[in-house]
């Protein structure tokens, strides 16, 4: 039940670093900020500085002053910043809601940091009035750690990203195949867990002329890994097979979804995988590892083809089957589109999010 609010809902979202960072979690929050006025709400950002762990925690007093100046009805704590707020949560004078895009401890760190950060994350989550998570995979992980939420629902609430991207630009469709049988699209920043090198390895195993790979994503987040990707791209077995598009707008990515034949992202640790849902909504069969959240979104031989993690030969076989079998590609793509139609749109995501946050802000109505 949506409660009657005494005034327009004011939300401060506490994150880490630049809110314009090009990753799924940051994009999620920016979409919510854009949609907030439709839900009689205002969402503004406050950020811990992007400094080496654990130094952002020292900025806690400054962030508390910034939050006080914003005069929010509720603070939404991005899981990427939870560890840094943990020592200061008792000083937050309004309800706190967690919005989790990763499990306690994070997903891109070494074992020592994950261990320490998980302790701090859990401390922050236990003091929050409500815990929202971006996927059922995360809900299962949080529940398994006893973090089932303390709010009026008495449970975790899954608030996944929307499946819809911006409309593709008008005009004629582009030929992304470049003489190959199929155009394969991979949307992901060049970070190790996305498996960009493995995507390149799989394409290199295919017969010449079968597939052309298009990489869309920012190459700046992990310079060392980006250098590894470039070294792999420079090898002779990928000559003329790959186009690198770099960082793109939502509209440009939508155009790639429109014009591609197959979607590939061999990510090992994807807490949700917004791009999988977007690709499926565009009618693309998806290929990746049977890992992370992908098995929650797409079934093997149903909406895509999934290989066991690390099985490069299996990944290449999946791509070859889809390239050589147009009927299979059409069947899986149609099933993917149908399955994606059951996923939330961004408008529905915003409705679920702001309803939950409003209930946390004004629990008594």
Protein backbone atom coordinates (compact mmCIF):
# COMPACT_ATOMS: atom_id res chain seq x y z
CA UNK A 1 0.00 0.00 0.00
CA UNK A 2 1.35 3.43 -0.94
CA UNK A 3 1.11 5.75 2.05
CA UNK A 4 0.01 9.35 1.85
CA UNK A 5 3.08 11.56 2.04
CA UNK A 6 3.08 14.85 3.92
CA UNK A 7 5.11 16.44 1.10
CA UNK A 8 7.16 15.56 -1.93
CA UNK A 9 9.57 12.75 -1.10
CA UNK A 10 13.18 13.94 -0.85
CA UNK A 11 15.81 11.20 -1.30
CA UNK A 12 19.58 11.48 -0.84
CA UNK A 13 21.45 8.65 -2.54
CA UNK A 14 24.86 8.05 -0.98
CA UNK A 15 27.36 6.49 -3.36
CA UNK A 16 31.11 6.37 -4.08
CA UNK A 17 32.90 8.61 -6.55
CA UNK A 18 31.35 10.12 -9.67
CA UNK A 19 27.63 9.31 -10.10
CA UNK A 20 28.17 9.58 -13.88
CA UNK A 21 30.47 6.55 -13.87
CA UNK A 22 29.55 4.15 -16.68
CA UNK A 23 28.59 0.96 -14.84
CA UNK A 24 25.27 -0.77 -14.27
CA UNK A 25 24.83 0.40 -10.69
CA UNK A 26 25.51 4.06 -11.44
CA UNK A 27 23.31 3.95 -14.56
CA UNK A 28 20.55 2.41 -12.43
CA UNK A 29 20.65 5.32 -10.00
CA UNK A 30 20.73 7.94 -12.74
CA UNK A 31 17.65 6.42 -14.35
CA UNK A 32 15.85 6.58 -11.00
CA UNK A 33 16.87 10.21 -10.57
CA UNK A 34 15.47 11.00 -14.03
CA UNK A 35 12.18 9.25 -13.25
CA UNK A 36 11.80 10.59 -9.68
CA UNK A 37 9.56 13.57 -10.59
CA UNK A 38 6.97 11.18 -12.08
CA UNK A 39 6.71 9.61 -8.62
CA UNK A 40 6.40 12.85 -6.69
CA UNK A 41 10.01 12.52 -5.55
CA UNK A 42 13.39 14.19 -5.85
CA UNK A 43 16.62 12.18 -5.82
CA UNK A 44 19.99 13.88 -5.32
CA UNK A 45 23.45 12.38 -4.92
CA UNK A 46 26.10 12.60 -2.23
CA UNK A 47 29.40 10.81 -2.70
CA UNK A 48 32.31 9.50 -0.71
CA UNK A 49 35.55 10.35 -2.57
CA UNK A 50 36.91 7.57 -4.76
CA UNK A 51 40.08 6.95 -2.76
CA UNK A 52 41.90 3.69 -1.97
CA UNK A 53 40.16 1.43 0.55
CA UNK A 54 39.49 2.15 3.40
CA UNK A 55 40.30 5.90 3.29
CA UNK A 56 36.86 7.07 2.08
CA UNK A 57 35.55 6.26 5.57
CA UNK A 58 37.46 9.32 6.85
CA UNK A 59 35.06 11.51 4.88
CA UNK A 60 32.12 10.33 6.97
CA UNK A 61 31.70 13.56 8.98
CA UNK A 62 31.77 15.67 5.81
CA UNK A 63 29.18 13.41 4.17
CA UNK A 64 26.94 13.65 7.24
CA UNK A 65 27.06 17.45 6.98
CA UNK A 66 26.25 17.26 3.26
CA UNK A 67 23.31 14.96 3.92
CA UNK A 68 22.04 17.29 6.62
CA UNK A 69 22.18 20.21 4.20
CA UNK A 70 20.20 18.26 1.61
CA UNK A 71 17.42 17.74 4.22
CA UNK A 72 16.27 14.35 2.89
CA UNK A 73 13.32 12.35 4.16
CA UNK A 74 15.35 9.19 3.63
CA UNK A 75 18.92 8.21 2.72
CA UNK A 76 19.41 5.47 0.15
CA UNK A 77 22.77 3.79 0.68
CA UNK A 78 24.40 2.36 -2.44
CA UNK A 79 26.08 -0.94 -1.57
CA UNK A 80 29.32 0.33 -3.13
CA UNK A 81 29.53 2.90 -0.30
CA UNK A 82 28.09 0.85 2.58
CA UNK A 83 31.42 -0.01 4.21
CA UNK A 84 32.36 3.66 4.42
CA UNK A 85 29.13 4.73 6.08
CA UNK A 86 29.12 1.80 8.54
CA UNK A 87 30.92 3.62 11.40
CA UNK A 88 28.66 6.65 10.96
CA UNK A 89 25.20 5.12 10.42
CA UNK A 90 24.18 5.89 14.01
CA UNK A 91 24.58 9.60 13.26
CA UNK A 92 22.17 9.56 10.29
CA UNK A 93 18.98 11.17 11.61
CA UNK A 94 16.57 9.94 8.94
CA UNK A 95 15.64 6.40 7.83
CA UNK A 96 18.26 4.53 5.77
CA UNK A 97 17.40 2.18 2.91
CA UNK A 98 20.07 0.00 1.28
CA UNK A 99 20.12 -0.40 -2.50
CA UNK A 100 22.42 -3.34 -3.15
CA UNK A 101 24.00 -4.11 -6.50
CA UNK A 102 26.64 -6.45 -5.08
CA UNK A 103 26.96 -8.94 -2.21
CA UNK A 104 28.63 -7.97 1.09
CA UNK A 105 32.35 -7.53 0.41
CA UNK A 106 31.88 -6.52 -3.22
CA UNK A 107 32.88 -8.40 -6.36
CA UNK A 108 35.98 -6.72 -7.79
CA UNK A 109 38.41 -6.96 -4.87
CA UNK A 110 41.01 -9.34 -3.48
CA UNK A 111 40.27 -11.74 -0.59
CA UNK A 112 41.61 -9.52 2.20
CA UNK A 113 39.58 -6.49 1.20
CA UNK A 114 36.46 -8.59 0.58
CA UNK A 115 36.72 -10.05 4.09
CA UNK A 116 37.07 -6.67 5.82
CA UNK A 117 34.56 -4.92 3.61
CA UNK A 118 31.97 -7.67 4.14
CA UNK A 119 32.12 -7.08 7.91
CA UNK A 120 31.57 -3.35 7.44
CA UNK A 121 28.88 -3.87 4.79
CA UNK A 122 26.89 -6.20 7.02
CA UNK A 123 27.13 -3.76 9.92
CA UNK A 124 25.61 -1.02 7.75
CA UNK A 125 22.91 -3.30 6.36
CA UNK A 126 21.76 -4.46 9.78
CA UNK A 127 21.16 -0.85 10.83
CA UNK A 128 19.12 -0.04 7.71
CA UNK A 129 15.35 0.06 7.80
CA UNK A 130 14.95 -1.71 4.47
CA UNK A 131 17.19 -3.66 2.10
CA UNK A 132 16.49 -3.51 -1.63
CA UNK A 133 18.48 -5.74 -3.98
CA UNK A 134 18.86 -5.67 -7.75
CA UNK A 135 18.32 -9.38 -8.43
CA UNK A 136 17.01 -12.63 -7.05
CA UNK A 137 20.59 -13.89 -6.99
CA UNK A 138 21.48 -11.11 -4.54
CA UNK A 139 18.32 -11.76 -2.54
CA UNK A 140 19.41 -15.37 -2.09
CA UNK A 141 22.92 -14.29 -1.10
CA UNK A 142 21.68 -11.70 1.41
CA UNK A 143 19.13 -14.05 2.94
CA UNK A 144 21.82 -16.70 3.29
CA UNK A 145 23.83 -14.27 5.41
CA UNK A 146 20.89 -13.39 7.64
CA UNK A 147 20.33 -10.00 6.03
CA UNK A 148 16.64 -10.41 5.34
CA UNK A 149 15.77 -6.77 5.99
CA UNK A 150 14.30 -5.02 8.98
CA UNK A 151 11.53 -2.97 7.34
CA UNK A 152 7.76 -3.31 7.42
CA UNK A 153 7.80 -6.03 4.77
CA UNK A 154 10.07 -8.12 6.99
CA UNK A 155 11.99 -9.35 3.97
CA UNK A 156 14.27 -8.32 1.15
CA UNK A 157 12.67 -6.64 -1.83
CA UNK A 158 14.01 -7.29 -5.32
CA UNK A 159 14.03 -4.11 -7.42
CA UNK A 160 15.73 -5.09 -10.69
CA UNK A 161 16.85 -2.67 -13.38
CA UNK A 162 14.52 -1.99 -16.28
CA UNK A 163 14.80 -3.96 -19.48
CA UNK A 164 14.24 -1.03 -21.82
CA UNK A 165 16.96 1.23 -23.19
CA UNK A 166 16.55 4.49 -25.05
CA UNK A 167 15.12 4.31 -28.56
CA UNK A 168 17.65 3.69 -31.28
CA UNK A 169 18.35 6.62 -33.60
CA UNK A 170 16.26 6.72 -36.74
CA UNK A 171 17.50 5.89 -40.18
CA UNK A 172 18.51 2.71 -41.92
CA UNK A 173 19.83 -0.24 -39.97
CA UNK A 174 23.59 -0.64 -40.17
CA UNK A 175 25.34 -3.72 -41.48
CA UNK A 176 27.32 -4.86 -38.46
CA UNK A 177 28.21 -8.19 -40.04
CA UNK A 178 30.86 -6.76 -42.36
CA UNK A 179 30.75 -9.79 -44.62
CA UNK A 180 30.48 -12.34 -41.80
CA UNK A 181 27.48 -14.62 -41.19
CA UNK A 182 26.51 -12.90 -37.94
CA UNK A 183 27.26 -9.80 -35.89
CA UNK A 184 28.01 -10.60 -32.25
CA UNK A 185 27.62 -7.81 -29.70
CA UNK A 186 29.40 -7.56 -26.34
CA UNK A 187 28.44 -4.65 -24.06
CA UNK A 188 30.63 -4.29 -20.99
CA UNK A 189 33.41 -2.17 -19.56
CA UNK A 190 36.91 -3.57 -19.92
CA UNK A 191 37.21 -5.03 -16.43
CA UNK A 192 38.40 -8.53 -15.65
CA UNK A 193 35.13 -9.96 -14.35
CA UNK A 194 33.33 -9.11 -17.60
CA UNK A 195 35.41 -11.66 -19.50
CA UNK A 196 36.26 -9.49 -22.50
CA UNK A 197 39.45 -11.47 -23.20
CA UNK A 198 37.48 -14.72 -23.06
CA UNK A 199 34.98 -13.28 -25.54
CA UNK A 200 37.89 -12.53 -27.88
CA UNK A 201 39.36 -16.00 -27.37
CA UNK A 202 36.02 -17.62 -28.24
CA UNK A 203 35.60 -15.57 -31.42
CA UNK A 204 39.18 -16.37 -32.46
CA UNK A 205 38.32 -20.10 -32.37
CA UNK A 206 35.60 -19.69 -34.99
CA UNK A 207 36.21 -20.30 -38.69
CA UNK A 208 37.08 -17.19 -40.64
CA UNK A 209 34.09 -15.28 -41.97
CA UNK A 210 31.62 -16.70 -39.46
CA UNK A 211 31.25 -13.87 -36.94
CA UNK A 212 32.21 -10.24 -36.46
CA UNK A 213 32.43 -9.08 -32.84
CA UNK A 214 31.48 -5.58 -31.70
CA UNK A 215 32.79 -4.40 -28.32
CA UNK A 216 30.97 -1.52 -26.62
CA UNK A 217 32.28 -0.33 -23.27
CA UNK A 218 34.65 1.95 -21.41
CA UNK A 219 38.31 0.89 -21.54
CA UNK A 220 39.41 3.14 -18.63
CA UNK A 221 38.27 1.54 -15.34
CA UNK A 222 41.06 -1.09 -15.14
CA UNK A 223 44.06 0.10 -17.20
CA UNK A 224 46.01 -3.11 -16.61
CA UNK A 225 43.19 -5.26 -17.89
CA UNK A 226 42.56 -2.92 -20.82
CA UNK A 227 46.20 -3.39 -21.82
CA UNK A 228 45.62 -7.16 -21.75
CA UNK A 229 42.58 -6.77 -23.98
CA UNK A 230 44.57 -4.67 -26.46
CA UNK A 231 47.36 -7.25 -26.58
CA UNK A 232 44.78 -9.92 -27.35
CA UNK A 233 43.20 -7.78 -30.04
CA UNK A 234 46.59 -7.32 -31.71
CA UNK A 235 47.08 -11.04 -32.37
CA UNK A 236 46.74 -12.25 -35.95
CA UNK A 237 43.82 -14.62 -35.24
CA UNK A 238 41.50 -11.64 -34.63
CA UNK A 239 42.59 -9.54 -37.60
CA UNK A 240 39.53 -8.00 -39.24
CA UNK A 241 37.11 -9.72 -36.85
CA UNK A 242 36.52 -7.12 -34.12
CA UNK A 243 35.23 -3.54 -33.97
CA UNK A 244 35.80 -1.53 -30.77
CA UNK A 245 33.22 1.21 -30.21
CA UNK A 246 34.34 2.48 -26.80
CA UNK A 247 32.02 4.34 -24.44
CA UNK A 248 28.63 5.00 -26.06
CA UNK A 249 25.41 6.80 -25.25
CA UNK A 250 22.26 4.85 -24.41
CA UNK A 251 20.89 5.63 -27.88
CA UNK A 252 24.05 4.35 -29.57
CA UNK A 253 23.98 1.12 -27.56
CA UNK A 254 20.29 0.70 -28.44
CA UNK A 255 21.24 0.91 -32.13
CA UNK A 256 23.80 -1.87 -31.67
CA UNK A 257 21.18 -4.08 -30.00
CA UNK A 258 18.85 -3.37 -32.92
CA UNK A 259 21.39 -4.32 -35.58
CA UNK A 260 23.23 -7.27 -33.97
CA UNK A 261 22.37 -10.97 -34.27
CA UNK A 262 23.77 -12.45 -31.04
CA UNK A 263 24.71 -11.09 -27.62
CA UNK A 264 27.87 -12.36 -25.86
CA UNK A 265 29.09 -11.55 -22.36
CA UNK A 266 31.11 -14.25 -20.54
CA UNK A 267 30.98 -12.56 -17.13
CA UNK A 268 31.76 -14.70 -14.09
CA UNK A 269 30.28 -12.46 -11.37
CA UNK A 270 27.32 -10.48 -12.60
CA UNK A 271 24.98 -9.57 -9.70
CA UNK A 272 22.26 -8.68 -12.21
CA UNK A 273 23.55 -8.04 -15.72
CA UNK A 274 21.37 -5.21 -17.04
CA UNK A 275 22.78 -5.70 -20.53
CA UNK A 276 21.49 -9.29 -20.70
CA UNK A 277 17.94 -8.07 -20.13
CA UNK A 278 18.38 -5.26 -22.66
CA UNK A 279 19.73 -7.67 -25.28
CA UNK A 280 16.91 -10.13 -24.66
CA UNK A 281 14.34 -7.33 -24.97
CA UNK A 282 15.88 -6.58 -28.39
CA UNK A 283 15.32 -10.20 -29.43
CA UNK A 284 18.94 -11.34 -29.23
CA UNK A 285 19.86 -14.84 -28.04
CA UNK A 286 22.39 -14.53 -25.20
CA UNK A 287 25.63 -16.44 -24.79
CA UNK A 288 27.68 -16.54 -21.60
CA UNK A 289 28.82 -18.59 -18.65
CA UNK A 290 26.36 -20.48 -16.47
CA UNK A 291 27.35 -18.16 -13.61
CA UNK A 292 26.22 -15.08 -11.72
CA UNK A 293 22.71 -13.91 -12.50
CA UNK A 294 22.53 -15.06 -16.13
CA UNK A 295 20.90 -18.44 -15.31
CA UNK A 296 18.16 -16.48 -13.48
CA UNK A 297 17.44 -14.56 -16.69
CA UNK A 298 17.96 -17.02 -19.53
CA UNK A 299 17.74 -20.79 -19.81
CA UNK A 300 20.18 -22.90 -21.80
CA UNK A 301 18.65 -23.89 -25.16
CA UNK A 302 15.65 -21.68 -24.31
CA UNK A 303 16.66 -17.99 -24.50
CA UNK A 304 20.32 -18.55 -25.21
CA UNK A 305 23.24 -20.93 -24.93
CA UNK A 306 25.21 -21.16 -21.67
CA UNK A 307 28.61 -22.77 -21.21
CA UNK A 308 30.28 -23.90 -18.02
CA UNK A 309 32.59 -21.22 -16.61
CA UNK A 310 36.01 -21.39 -18.25
CA UNK A 311 34.91 -23.70 -21.08
CA UNK A 312 36.18 -21.64 -24.01
CA UNK A 313 35.55 -24.47 -26.45
CA UNK A 314 31.95 -24.61 -25.26
CA UNK A 315 31.59 -20.85 -25.63
CA UNK A 316 32.94 -21.03 -29.18
CA UNK A 317 30.62 -23.95 -30.01
CA UNK A 318 27.64 -21.90 -28.83
CA UNK A 319 28.62 -19.00 -31.08
CA UNK A 320 29.21 -21.31 -34.02
CA UNK A 321 25.81 -22.99 -33.61
CA UNK A 322 24.04 -19.65 -33.59
CA UNK A 323 26.04 -18.37 -36.56
CA UNK A 324 25.38 -21.43 -38.69
CA UNK A 325 21.78 -22.15 -37.69
CA UNK A 326 19.49 -19.23 -38.54
CA UNK A 327 16.40 -21.11 -37.35
CA UNK A 328 17.97 -21.72 -33.93
CA UNK A 329 18.98 -18.09 -33.73
CA UNK A 330 15.44 -16.98 -34.54
CA UNK A 331 13.84 -19.40 -32.07
CA UNK A 332 16.09 -18.44 -29.16
CA UNK A 333 15.83 -14.75 -30.02
CA UNK A 334 12.03 -14.88 -30.05
CA UNK A 335 12.03 -16.71 -26.71
CA UNK A 336 14.45 -14.14 -25.29
CA UNK A 337 12.17 -11.29 -26.34
CA UNK A 338 9.17 -13.06 -24.82
CA UNK A 339 10.99 -13.73 -21.54
CA UNK A 340 12.23 -10.15 -21.37
CA UNK A 341 8.65 -8.92 -21.69
CA UNK A 342 8.12 -10.33 -18.18
CA UNK A 343 10.98 -8.21 -16.78
CA UNK A 344 10.23 -4.79 -15.32
CA UNK A 345 10.46 -1.65 -17.41
CA UNK A 346 12.36 1.29 -15.93
CA UNK A 347 9.05 2.97 -15.12
CA UNK A 348 7.95 -0.13 -13.18
CA UNK A 349 11.33 -0.31 -11.45
CA UNK A 350 10.97 3.32 -10.37
CA UNK A 351 7.45 2.68 -9.09
CA UNK A 352 8.64 -0.25 -6.98
CA UNK A 353 11.70 1.64 -5.73
CA UNK A 354 9.98 4.88 -4.73
CA UNK A 355 7.05 3.02 -3.13
CA UNK A 356 9.46 1.08 -0.91
CA UNK A 357 11.50 4.17 -0.08
CA UNK A 358 8.38 6.19 0.69
CA UNK A 359 7.15 3.49 3.08
CA UNK A 360 10.52 3.57 4.85
CA UNK A 361 10.42 7.35 5.11
CA UNK A 362 6.87 7.52 6.48
CA UNK A 363 6.12 4.09 8.01
CA UNK A 364 3.12 5.30 10.00
CA UNK A 365 1.45 6.96 7.04
